[in-house]
């Protein structure tokens, strides 16, 4: 990231990092996004996505099943999961609910 690219595509950028370095990585990514850089992160760390991303896209079996802010996506997935799910469900809980039969 030191050469100041216009766009970043990152796959699991914080896996295996200690909490201090993980926080530093996200701070730098947020700063770069604030400067107008395009930052695309693929991650399974739902809490990090919820906390740091403006927009998330959920893929399931190669298809987009939800797209929007973390709150919008959690609500959409919860509604898709059925009446037992609630709009307050987090991203991880909503995804687990909707993909439950796919083990």
PDB file of N, CA and C in Angstrom:
ATOM      1  N   UNK A   1       0.824  -1.196   0.000  1.00  0.00           N
ATOM      2  CA  UNK A   1       0.000   0.000   0.000  1.00  0.00           C
ATOM      3  C   UNK A   1       0.867   1.258   0.000  1.00  0.00           C
ATOM      4  N   UNK A   2       2.167   1.098   0.130  1.00  0.00           N
ATOM      5  CA  UNK A   2       3.044   2.253   0.253  1.00  0.00           C
ATOM      6  C   UNK A   2       3.147   3.084  -1.028  1.00  0.00           C
ATOM      7  N   UNK A   3       2.814   2.536  -2.192  1.00  0.00           N
ATOM      8  CA  UNK A   3       2.939   3.293  -3.434  1.00  0.00           C
ATOM      9  C   UNK A   3       1.668   4.063  -3.803  1.00  0.00           C
ATOM     10  N   UNK A   4       0.691   4.094  -2.927  1.00  0.00           N
ATOM     11  CA  UNK A   4      -0.540   4.877  -3.083  1.00  0.00           C
ATOM     12  C   UNK A   4      -1.320   4.524  -4.358  1.00  0.00           C
ATOM     13  N   UNK A   5      -1.804   3.301  -4.465  1.00  0.00           N
ATOM     14  CA  UNK A   5      -2.548   2.896  -5.666  1.00  0.00           C
ATOM     15  C   UNK A   5      -3.911   3.586  -5.721  1.00  0.00           C
ATOM     16  N   UNK A   6      -4.506   3.616  -6.916  1.00  0.00           N
ATOM     17  CA  UNK A   6      -5.852   4.167  -7.090  1.00  0.00           C
ATOM     18  C   UNK A   6      -6.913   3.185  -6.617  1.00  0.00           C
ATOM     19  N   UNK A   7      -6.579   1.900  -6.674  1.00  0.00           N
ATOM     20  CA  UNK A   7      -7.533   0.867  -6.276  1.00  0.00           C
ATOM     21  C   UNK A   7      -6.788  -0.258  -5.567  1.00  0.00           C
ATOM     22  N   UNK A   8      -7.451  -0.835  -4.581  1.00  0.00           N
ATOM     23  CA  UNK A   8      -6.902  -1.980  -3.849  1.00  0.00           C
ATOM     24  C   UNK A   8      -7.906  -3.116  -3.906  1.00  0.00           C
ATOM     25  N   UNK A   9      -7.442  -4.300  -4.239  1.00  0.00           N
ATOM     26  CA  UNK A   9      -8.236  -5.519  -4.154  1.00  0.00           C
ATOM     27  C   UNK A   9      -7.520  -6.411  -3.156  1.00  0.00           C
ATOM     28  N   UNK A  10      -8.160  -6.674  -2.035  1.00  0.00           N
ATOM     29  CA  UNK A  10      -7.522  -7.418  -0.951  1.00  0.00           C
ATOM     30  C   UNK A  10      -8.346  -8.644  -0.583  1.00  0.00           C
ATOM     31  N   UNK A  11      -7.682  -9.767  -0.443  1.00  0.00           N
ATOM     32  CA  UNK A  11      -8.332 -11.010  -0.050  1.00  0.00           C
ATOM     33  C   UNK A  11      -7.887 -11.359   1.367  1.00  0.00           C
ATOM     34  N   UNK A  12      -8.817 -11.299   2.300  1.00  0.00           N
ATOM     35  CA  UNK A  12      -8.550 -11.622   3.702  1.00  0.00           C
ATOM     36  C   UNK A  12      -7.316 -10.881   4.238  1.00  0.00           C
ATOM     37  N   UNK A  13      -7.310  -9.543   4.188  1.00  0.00           N
ATOM     38  CA  UNK A  13      -6.103  -8.792   4.539  1.00  0.00           C
ATOM     39  C   UNK A  13      -5.698  -8.846   6.010  1.00  0.00           C
ATOM     40  N   UNK A  14      -6.593  -9.287   6.893  1.00  0.00           N
ATOM     41  CA  UNK A  14      -6.244  -9.263   8.325  1.00  0.00           C
ATOM     42  C   UNK A  14      -6.109 -10.646   8.949  1.00  0.00           C
ATOM     43  N   UNK A  15      -6.189 -11.690   8.129  1.00  0.00           N
ATOM     44  CA  UNK A  15      -6.079 -13.051   8.668  1.00  0.00           C
ATOM     45  C   UNK A  15      -4.705 -13.241   9.303  1.00  0.00           C
ATOM     46  N   UNK A  16      -4.706 -13.718  10.530  1.00  0.00           N
ATOM     47  CA  UNK A  16      -3.468 -14.032  11.223  1.00  0.00           C
ATOM     48  C   UNK A  16      -2.766 -12.845  11.859  1.00  0.00           C
ATOM     49  N   UNK A  17      -3.351 -11.671  11.771  1.00  0.00           N
ATOM     50  CA  UNK A  17      -2.719 -10.496  12.361  1.00  0.00           C
ATOM     51  C   UNK A  17      -3.153 -10.314  13.806  1.00  0.00           C
ATOM     52  N   UNK A  18      -2.256  -9.769  14.612  1.00  0.00           N
ATOM     53  CA  UNK A  18      -2.646  -9.483  15.989  1.00  0.00           C
ATOM     54  C   UNK A  18      -3.566  -8.261  15.986  1.00  0.00           C
ATOM     55  N   UNK A  19      -4.322  -8.056  17.069  1.00  0.00           N
ATOM     56  CA  UNK A  19      -5.325  -6.977  17.104  1.00  0.00           C
ATOM     57  C   UNK A  19      -4.769  -5.588  16.803  1.00  0.00           C
ATOM     58  N   UNK A  20      -3.583  -5.279  17.265  1.00  0.00           N
ATOM     59  CA  UNK A  20      -3.007  -3.944  17.030  1.00  0.00           C
ATOM     60  C   UNK A  20      -2.733  -3.724  15.534  1.00  0.00           C
ATOM     61  N   UNK A  21      -2.122  -4.701  14.881  1.00  0.00           N
ATOM     62  CA  UNK A  21      -1.806  -4.572  13.464  1.00  0.00           C
ATOM     63  C   UNK A  21      -3.090  -4.607  12.630  1.00  0.00           C
ATOM     64  N   UNK A  22      -4.053  -5.454  13.022  1.00  0.00           N
ATOM     65  CA  UNK A  22      -5.335  -5.507  12.320  1.00  0.00           C
ATOM     66  C   UNK A  22      -6.003  -4.127  12.353  1.00  0.00           C
ATOM     67  N   UNK A  23      -5.978  -3.478  13.495  1.00  0.00           N
ATOM     68  CA  UNK A  23      -6.557  -2.144  13.630  1.00  0.00           C
ATOM     69  C   UNK A  23      -5.812  -1.143  12.737  1.00  0.00           C
ATOM     70  N   UNK A  24      -4.508  -1.252  12.669  1.00  0.00           N
ATOM     71  CA  UNK A  24      -3.706  -0.372  11.829  1.00  0.00           C
ATOM     72  C   UNK A  24      -4.046  -0.577  10.345  1.00  0.00           C
ATOM     73  N   UNK A  25      -4.198  -1.823   9.938  1.00  0.00           N
ATOM     74  CA  UNK A  25      -4.569  -2.119   8.548  1.00  0.00           C
ATOM     75  C   UNK A  25      -5.899  -1.460   8.213  1.00  0.00           C
ATOM     76  N   UNK A  26      -6.918  -1.662   9.076  1.00  0.00           N
ATOM     77  CA  UNK A  26      -8.226  -1.074   8.805  1.00  0.00           C
ATOM     78  C   UNK A  26      -8.180   0.454   8.825  1.00  0.00           C
ATOM     79  N   UNK A  27      -7.399   1.030   9.715  1.00  0.00           N
ATOM     80  CA  UNK A  27      -7.264   2.493   9.738  1.00  0.00           C
ATOM     81  C   UNK A  27      -6.698   3.001   8.422  1.00  0.00           C
ATOM     82  N   UNK A  28      -5.685   2.310   7.914  1.00  0.00           N
ATOM     83  CA  UNK A  28      -5.091   2.713   6.638  1.00  0.00           C
ATOM     84  C   UNK A  28      -6.074   2.534   5.480  1.00  0.00           C
ATOM     85  N   UNK A  29      -6.820   1.436   5.482  1.00  0.00           N
ATOM     86  CA  UNK A  29      -7.804   1.215   4.420  1.00  0.00           C
ATOM     87  C   UNK A  29      -8.901   2.270   4.466  1.00  0.00           C
ATOM     88  N   UNK A  30      -9.369   2.602   5.648  1.00  0.00           N
ATOM     89  CA  UNK A  30     -10.397   3.632   5.790  1.00  0.00           C
ATOM     90  C   UNK A  30      -9.875   4.998   5.343  1.00  0.00           C
ATOM     91  N   UNK A  31      -8.633   5.303   5.690  1.00  0.00           N
ATOM     92  CA  UNK A  31      -8.031   6.561   5.261  1.00  0.00           C
ATOM     93  C   UNK A  31      -7.953   6.618   3.739  1.00  0.00           C
ATOM     94  N   UNK A  32      -7.493   5.522   3.133  1.00  0.00           N
ATOM     95  CA  UNK A  32      -7.368   5.487   1.678  1.00  0.00           C
ATOM     96  C   UNK A  32      -8.737   5.630   0.998  1.00  0.00           C
ATOM     97  N   UNK A  33      -9.745   4.965   1.537  1.00  0.00           N
ATOM     98  CA  UNK A  33     -11.093   5.095   0.987  1.00  0.00           C
ATOM     99  C   UNK A  33     -11.572   6.539   1.119  1.00  0.00           C
ATOM    100  N   UNK A  34     -11.259   7.164   2.250  1.00  0.00           N
ATOM    101  CA  UNK A  34     -11.634   8.560   2.459  1.00  0.00           C
ATOM    102  C   UNK A  34     -10.942   9.509   1.498  1.00  0.00           C
ATOM    103  N   UNK A  35      -9.813   9.104   0.964  1.00  0.00           N
ATOM    104  CA  UNK A  35      -9.077   9.898  -0.024  1.00  0.00           C
ATOM    105  C   UNK A  35      -9.597   9.648  -1.443  1.00  0.00           C
ATOM    106  N   UNK A  36     -10.617   8.797  -1.563  1.00  0.00           N
ATOM    107  CA  UNK A  36     -11.203   8.540  -2.865  1.00  0.00           C
ATOM    108  C   UNK A  36     -10.676   7.295  -3.556  1.00  0.00           C
ATOM    109  N   UNK A  37      -9.841   6.535  -2.899  1.00  0.00           N
ATOM    110  CA  UNK A  37      -9.340   5.291  -3.483  1.00  0.00           C
ATOM    111  C   UNK A  37     -10.449   4.238  -3.446  1.00  0.00           C
ATOM    112  N   UNK A  38     -10.438   3.350  -4.418  1.00  0.00           N
ATOM    113  CA  UNK A  38     -11.379   2.225  -4.419  1.00  0.00           C
ATOM    114  C   UNK A  38     -10.754   1.101  -3.602  1.00  0.00           C
ATOM    115  N   UNK A  39     -11.461   0.634  -2.586  1.00  0.00           N
ATOM    116  CA  UNK A  39     -10.960  -0.434  -1.721  1.00  0.00           C
ATOM    117  C   UNK A  39     -11.981  -1.568  -1.722  1.00  0.00           C
ATOM    118  N   UNK A  40     -11.591  -2.712  -2.243  1.00  0.00           N
ATOM    119  CA  UNK A  40     -12.443  -3.894  -2.293  1.00  0.00           C
ATOM    120  C   UNK A  40     -11.786  -4.978  -1.451  1.00  0.00           C
ATOM    121  N   UNK A  41     -12.517  -5.461  -0.456  1.00  0.00           N
ATOM    122  CA  UNK A  41     -11.985  -6.451   0.480  1.00  0.00           C
ATOM    123  C   UNK A  41     -12.868  -7.688   0.454  1.00  0.00           C
ATOM    124  N   UNK A  42     -12.268  -8.839   0.226  1.00  0.00           N
ATOM    125  CA  UNK A  42     -12.973 -10.109   0.369  1.00  0.00           C
ATOM    126  C   UNK A  42     -12.618 -10.636   1.757  1.00  0.00           C
ATOM    127  N   UNK A  43     -13.648 -10.942   2.545  1.00  0.00           N
ATOM    128  CA  UNK A  43     -13.369 -11.394   3.906  1.00  0.00           C
ATOM    129  C   UNK A  43     -14.477 -12.302   4.417  1.00  0.00           C
ATOM    130  N   UNK A  44     -14.098 -13.178   5.320  1.00  0.00           N
ATOM    131  CA  UNK A  44     -15.065 -13.983   6.053  1.00  0.00           C
ATOM    132  C   UNK A  44     -15.263 -13.410   7.452  1.00  0.00           C
ATOM    133  N   UNK A  45     -14.534 -12.368   7.779  1.00  0.00           N
ATOM    134  CA  UNK A  45     -14.614 -11.734   9.096  1.00  0.00           C
ATOM    135  C   UNK A  45     -15.796 -10.771   9.105  1.00  0.00           C
ATOM    136  N   UNK A  46     -16.959 -11.306   9.424  1.00  0.00           N
ATOM    137  CA  UNK A  46     -18.195 -10.528   9.347  1.00  0.00           C
ATOM    138  C   UNK A  46     -18.184  -9.305  10.263  1.00  0.00           C
ATOM    139  N   UNK A  47     -17.635  -9.444  11.448  1.00  0.00           N
ATOM    140  CA  UNK A  47     -17.598  -8.318  12.371  1.00  0.00           C
ATOM    141  C   UNK A  47     -16.742  -7.189  11.802  1.00  0.00           C
ATOM    142  N   UNK A  48     -15.632  -7.535  11.167  1.00  0.00           N
ATOM    143  CA  UNK A  48     -14.797  -6.514  10.541  1.00  0.00           C
ATOM    144  C   UNK A  48     -15.546  -5.846   9.388  1.00  0.00           C
ATOM    145  N   UNK A  49     -16.246  -6.617   8.590  1.00  0.00           N
ATOM    146  CA  UNK A  49     -17.026  -6.049   7.492  1.00  0.00           C
ATOM    147  C   UNK A  49     -18.102  -5.114   8.030  1.00  0.00           C
ATOM    148  N   UNK A  50     -18.791  -5.552   9.073  1.00  0.00           N
ATOM    149  CA  UNK A  50     -19.845  -4.721   9.662  1.00  0.00           C
ATOM    150  C   UNK A  50     -19.276  -3.408  10.185  1.00  0.00           C
ATOM    151  N   UNK A  51     -18.132  -3.485  10.810  1.00  0.00           N
ATOM    152  CA  UNK A  51     -17.548  -2.320  11.464  1.00  0.00           C
ATOM    153  C   UNK A  51     -16.874  -1.350  10.489  1.00  0.00           C
ATOM    154  N   UNK A  52     -16.266  -1.871   9.437  1.00  0.00           N
ATOM    155  CA  UNK A  52     -15.394  -1.034   8.611  1.00  0.00           C
ATOM    156  C   UNK A  52     -15.878  -0.757   7.194  1.00  0.00           C
ATOM    157  N   UNK A  53     -16.840  -1.500   6.694  1.00  0.00           N
ATOM    158  CA  UNK A  53     -17.222  -1.361   5.288  1.00  0.00           C
ATOM    159  C   UNK A  53     -18.491  -0.538   5.131  1.00  0.00           C
ATOM    160  N   UNK A  54     -18.503   0.311   4.109  1.00  0.00           N
ATOM    161  CA  UNK A  54     -19.689   1.112   3.804  1.00  0.00           C
ATOM    162  C   UNK A  54     -20.728   0.281   3.071  1.00  0.00           C
ATOM    163  N   UNK A  55     -20.244  -0.639   2.253  1.00  0.00           N
ATOM    164  CA  UNK A  55     -21.130  -1.492   1.464  1.00  0.00           C
ATOM    165  C   UNK A  55     -20.579  -2.914   1.493  1.00  0.00           C
ATOM    166  N   UNK A  56     -21.477  -3.887   1.584  1.00  0.00           N
ATOM    167  CA  UNK A  56     -21.080  -5.290   1.538  1.00  0.00           C
ATOM    168  C   UNK A  56     -21.908  -6.005   0.471  1.00  0.00           C
ATOM    169  N   UNK A  57     -21.319  -7.043  -0.067  1.00  0.00           N
ATOM    170  CA  UNK A  57     -22.001  -7.895  -1.036  1.00  0.00           C
ATOM    171  C   UNK A  57     -21.828  -9.316  -0.554  1.00  0.00           C
ATOM    172  N   UNK A  58     -22.921 -10.046  -0.429  1.00  0.00           N
ATOM    173  CA  UNK A  58     -22.858 -11.443  -0.022  1.00  0.00           C
ATOM    174  C   UNK A  58     -23.040 -12.321  -1.248  1.00  0.00           C
ATOM    175  N   UNK A  59     -22.110 -13.244  -1.416  1.00  0.00           N
ATOM    176  CA  UNK A  59     -22.198 -14.235  -2.477  1.00  0.00           C
ATOM    177  C   UNK A  59     -22.521 -15.574  -1.851  1.00  0.00           C
ATOM    178  N   UNK A  60     -23.390 -16.320  -2.516  1.00  0.00           N
ATOM    179  CA  UNK A  60     -23.724 -17.660  -2.060  1.00  0.00           C
ATOM    180  C   UNK A  60     -23.897 -18.523  -3.295  1.00  0.00           C
ATOM    181  N   UNK A  61     -23.086 -19.567  -3.373  1.00  0.00           N
ATOM    182  CA  UNK A  61     -23.104 -20.450  -4.539  1.00  0.00           C
ATOM    183  C   UNK A  61     -22.887 -19.678  -5.836  1.00  0.00           C
ATOM    184  N   UNK A  62     -21.988 -18.693  -5.783  1.00  0.00           N
ATOM    185  CA  UNK A  62     -21.625 -17.937  -6.972  1.00  0.00           C
ATOM    186  C   UNK A  62     -22.592 -16.845  -7.386  1.00  0.00           C
ATOM    187  N   UNK A  63     -23.603 -16.573  -6.564  1.00  0.00           N
ATOM    188  CA  UNK A  63     -24.594 -15.548  -6.897  1.00  0.00           C
ATOM    189  C   UNK A  63     -24.664 -14.494  -5.798  1.00  0.00           C
ATOM    190  N   UNK A  64     -24.939 -13.273  -6.210  1.00  0.00           N
ATOM    191  CA  UNK A  64     -25.158 -12.196  -5.253  1.00  0.00           C
ATOM    192  C   UNK A  64     -26.511 -12.423  -4.598  1.00  0.00           C
ATOM    193  N   UNK A  65     -26.514 -12.555  -3.263  1.00  0.00           N
ATOM    194  CA  UNK A  65     -27.786 -12.737  -2.556  1.00  0.00           C
ATOM    195  C   UNK A  65     -28.187 -11.498  -1.777  1.00  0.00           C
ATOM    196  N   UNK A  66     -27.239 -10.574  -1.580  1.00  0.00           N
ATOM    197  CA  UNK A  66     -27.570  -9.333  -0.887  1.00  0.00           C
ATOM    198  C   UNK A  66     -26.457  -8.320  -1.125  1.00  0.00           C
ATOM    199  N   UNK A  67     -26.870  -7.050  -1.186  1.00  0.00           N
ATOM    200  CA  UNK A  67     -25.909  -5.969  -1.399  1.00  0.00           C
ATOM    201  C   UNK A  67     -26.451  -4.707  -0.759  1.00  0.00           C
ATOM    202  N   UNK A  68     -25.591  -3.984  -0.056  1.00  0.00           N
ATOM    203  CA  UNK A  68     -25.983  -2.734   0.574  1.00  0.00           C
ATOM    204  C   UNK A  68     -25.107  -2.462   1.778  1.00  0.00           C
ATOM    205  N   UNK A  69     -25.574  -1.585   2.649  1.00  0.00           N
ATOM    206  CA  UNK A  69     -24.836  -1.330   3.885  1.00  0.00           C
ATOM    207  C   UNK A  69     -24.902  -2.597   4.738  1.00  0.00           C
ATOM    208  N   UNK A  70     -23.983  -2.751   5.692  1.00  0.00           N
ATOM    209  CA  UNK A  70     -24.066  -3.934   6.555  1.00  0.00           C
ATOM    210  C   UNK A  70     -25.422  -4.098   7.230  1.00  0.00           C
ATOM    211  N   UNK A  71     -26.039  -3.020   7.666  1.00  0.00           N
ATOM    212  CA  UNK A  71     -27.348  -3.090   8.314  1.00  0.00           C
ATOM    213  C   UNK A  71     -28.412  -3.531   7.311  1.00  0.00           C
ATOM    214  N   UNK A  72     -28.378  -2.965   6.099  1.00  0.00           N
ATOM    215  CA  UNK A  72     -29.353  -3.339   5.073  1.00  0.00           C
ATOM    216  C   UNK A  72     -29.224  -4.806   4.689  1.00  0.00           C
ATOM    217  N   UNK A  73     -27.986  -5.280   4.550  1.00  0.00           N
ATOM    218  CA  UNK A  73     -27.767  -6.664   4.147  1.00  0.00           C
ATOM    219  C   UNK A  73     -28.215  -7.622   5.240  1.00  0.00           C
ATOM    220  N   UNK A  74     -27.893  -7.315   6.478  1.00  0.00           N
ATOM    221  CA  UNK A  74     -28.331  -8.175   7.582  1.00  0.00           C
ATOM    222  C   UNK A  74     -29.849  -8.253   7.616  1.00  0.00           C
ATOM    223  N   UNK A  75     -30.519  -7.123   7.404  1.00  0.00           N
ATOM    224  CA  UNK A  75     -31.981  -7.111   7.413  1.00  0.00           C
ATOM    225  C   UNK A  75     -32.545  -7.893   6.230  1.00  0.00           C
ATOM    226  N   UNK A  76     -31.965  -7.706   5.052  1.00  0.00           N
ATOM    227  CA  UNK A  76     -32.449  -8.411   3.864  1.00  0.00           C
ATOM    228  C   UNK A  76     -32.271  -9.915   4.005  1.00  0.00           C
ATOM    229  N   UNK A  77     -31.126 -10.345   4.494  1.00  0.00           N
ATOM    230  CA  UNK A  77     -30.883 -11.776   4.670  1.00  0.00           C
ATOM    231  C   UNK A  77     -31.797 -12.351   5.745  1.00  0.00           C
ATOM    232  N   UNK A  78     -32.049 -11.579   6.787  1.00  0.00           N
ATOM    233  CA  UNK A  78     -32.939 -12.049   7.845  1.00  0.00           C
ATOM    234  C   UNK A  78     -34.343 -12.245   7.314  1.00  0.00           C
ATOM    235  N   UNK A  79     -34.821 -11.310   6.501  1.00  0.00           N
ATOM    236  CA  UNK A  79     -36.163 -11.447   5.917  1.00  0.00           C
ATOM    237  C   UNK A  79     -36.220 -12.645   4.980  1.00  0.00           C
ATOM    238  N   UNK A  80     -35.134 -12.865   4.207  1.00  0.00           N
ATOM    239  CA  UNK A  80     -35.089 -14.009   3.285  1.00  0.00           C
ATOM    240  C   UNK A  80     -35.041 -15.330   4.028  1.00  0.00           C
ATOM    241  N   UNK A  81     -34.478 -15.297   5.225  1.00  0.00           N
ATOM    242  CA  UNK A  81     -34.322 -16.532   5.991  1.00  0.00           C
ATOM    243  C   UNK A  81     -35.648 -17.025   6.541  1.00  0.00           C
ATOM    244  N   UNK A  82     -36.617 -16.145   6.657  1.00  0.00           N
ATOM    245  CA  UNK A  82     -37.924 -16.572   7.143  1.00  0.00           C
ATOM    246  C   UNK A  82     -38.325 -15.869   8.411  1.00  0.00           C
ATOM    247  N   UNK A  83     -39.518 -16.204   8.910  1.00  0.00           N
ATOM    248  CA  UNK A  83     -40.078 -15.494  10.061  1.00  0.00           C
ATOM    249  C   UNK A  83     -39.311 -15.706  11.356  1.00  0.00           C
ATOM    250  N   UNK A  84     -38.516 -16.765  11.456  1.00  0.00           N
ATOM    251  CA  UNK A  84     -37.785 -17.001  12.703  1.00  0.00           C
ATOM    252  C   UNK A  84     -36.590 -16.072  12.853  1.00  0.00           C
ATOM    253  N   UNK A  85     -36.151 -15.441  11.767  1.00  0.00           N
ATOM    254  CA  UNK A  85     -35.026 -14.510  11.822  1.00  0.00           C
ATOM    255  C   UNK A  85     -35.551 -13.108  12.122  1.00  0.00           C
ATOM    256  N   UNK A  86     -34.694 -12.273  12.655  1.00  0.00           N
ATOM    257  CA  UNK A  86     -35.088 -10.906  12.968  1.00  0.00           C
ATOM    258  C   UNK A  86     -34.196  -9.935  12.227  1.00  0.00           C
ATOM    259  N   UNK A  87     -34.694  -8.729  12.004  1.00  0.00           N
ATOM    260  CA  UNK A  87     -33.905  -7.701  11.335  1.00  0.00           C
ATOM    261  C   UNK A  87     -32.689  -7.290  12.155  1.00  0.00           C
ATOM    262  N   UNK A  88     -32.681  -7.578  13.441  1.00  0.00           N
ATOM    263  CA  UNK A  88     -31.558  -7.219  14.284  1.00  0.00           C
ATOM    264  C   UNK A  88     -30.403  -8.210  14.180  1.00  0.00           C
ATOM    265  N   UNK A  89     -30.604  -9.302  13.460  1.00  0.00           N
ATOM    266  CA  UNK A  89     -29.552 -10.311  13.337  1.00  0.00           C
ATOM    267  C   UNK A  89     -28.331  -9.689  12.673  1.00  0.00           C
ATOM    268  N   UNK A  90     -27.161 -10.097  13.104  1.00  0.00           N
ATOM    269  CA  UNK A  90     -25.930  -9.607  12.516  1.00  0.00           C
ATOM    270  C   UNK A  90     -25.679 -10.264  11.176  1.00  0.00           C
ATOM    271  N   UNK A  91     -24.653  -9.810  10.496  1.00  0.00           N
ATOM    272  CA  UNK A  91     -24.320 -10.350   9.182  1.00  0.00           C
ATOM    273  C   UNK A  91     -24.045 -11.844   9.232  1.00  0.00           C
ATOM    274  N   UNK A  92     -23.252 -12.263  10.183  1.00  0.00           N
ATOM    275  CA  UNK A  92     -22.900 -13.681  10.260  1.00  0.00           C
ATOM    276  C   UNK A  92     -24.120 -14.543  10.551  1.00  0.00           C
ATOM    277  N   UNK A  93     -24.924 -14.137  11.510  1.00  0.00           N
ATOM    278  CA  UNK A  93     -26.113 -14.904  11.856  1.00  0.00           C
ATOM    279  C   UNK A  93     -27.074 -14.989  10.678  1.00  0.00           C
ATOM    280  N   UNK A  94     -27.237 -13.885   9.961  1.00  0.00           N
ATOM    281  CA  UNK A  94     -28.146 -13.875   8.821  1.00  0.00           C
ATOM    282  C   UNK A  94     -27.639 -14.796   7.711  1.00  0.00           C
ATOM    283  N   UNK A  95     -26.343 -14.742   7.437  1.00  0.00           N
ATOM    284  CA  UNK A  95     -25.795 -15.607   6.392  1.00  0.00           C
ATOM    285  C   UNK A  95     -25.909 -17.077   6.781  1.00  0.00           C
ATOM    286  N   UNK A  96     -25.600 -17.393   8.029  1.00  0.00           N
ATOM    287  CA  UNK A  96     -25.718 -18.777   8.489  1.00  0.00           C
ATOM    288  C   UNK A  96     -27.150 -19.269   8.372  1.00  0.00           C
ATOM    289  N   UNK A  97     -28.084 -18.415   8.694  1.00  0.00           N
ATOM    290  CA  UNK A  97     -29.498 -18.790   8.628  1.00  0.00           C
ATOM    291  C   UNK A  97     -29.920 -19.102   7.197  1.00  0.00           C
ATOM    292  N   UNK A  98     -29.540 -18.244   6.264  1.00  0.00           N
ATOM    293  CA  UNK A  98     -30.003 -18.432   4.893  1.00  0.00           C
ATOM    294  C   UNK A  98     -29.278 -19.575   4.183  1.00  0.00           C
ATOM    295  N   UNK A  99     -28.076 -19.920   4.619  1.00  0.00           N
ATOM    296  CA  UNK A  99     -27.310 -20.984   3.961  1.00  0.00           C
ATOM    297  C   UNK A  99     -27.280 -22.266   4.772  1.00  0.00           C
ATOM    298  N   UNK A 100     -28.172 -22.398   5.735  1.00  0.00           N
ATOM    299  CA  UNK A 100     -28.160 -23.530   6.673  1.00  0.00           C
ATOM    300  C   UNK A 100     -28.190 -24.885   5.990  1.00  0.00           C
ATOM    301  N   UNK A 101     -28.945 -25.063   4.941  1.00  0.00           N
ATOM    302  CA  UNK A 101     -29.073 -26.369   4.302  1.00  0.00           C
ATOM    303  C   UNK A 101     -27.919 -26.738   3.394  1.00  0.00           C
ATOM    304  N   UNK A 102     -26.906 -25.911   3.316  1.00  0.00           N
ATOM    305  CA  UNK A 102     -25.814 -26.121   2.354  1.00  0.00           C
ATOM    306  C   UNK A 102     -24.526 -26.617   3.010  1.00  0.00           C
ATOM    307  N   UNK A 103     -24.588 -27.617   3.816  1.00  0.00           N
ATOM    308  CA  UNK A 103     -23.387 -28.081   4.517  1.00  0.00           C
ATOM    309  C   UNK A 103     -22.628 -29.066   3.718  1.00  0.00           C
TER     310      UNK A 103
END
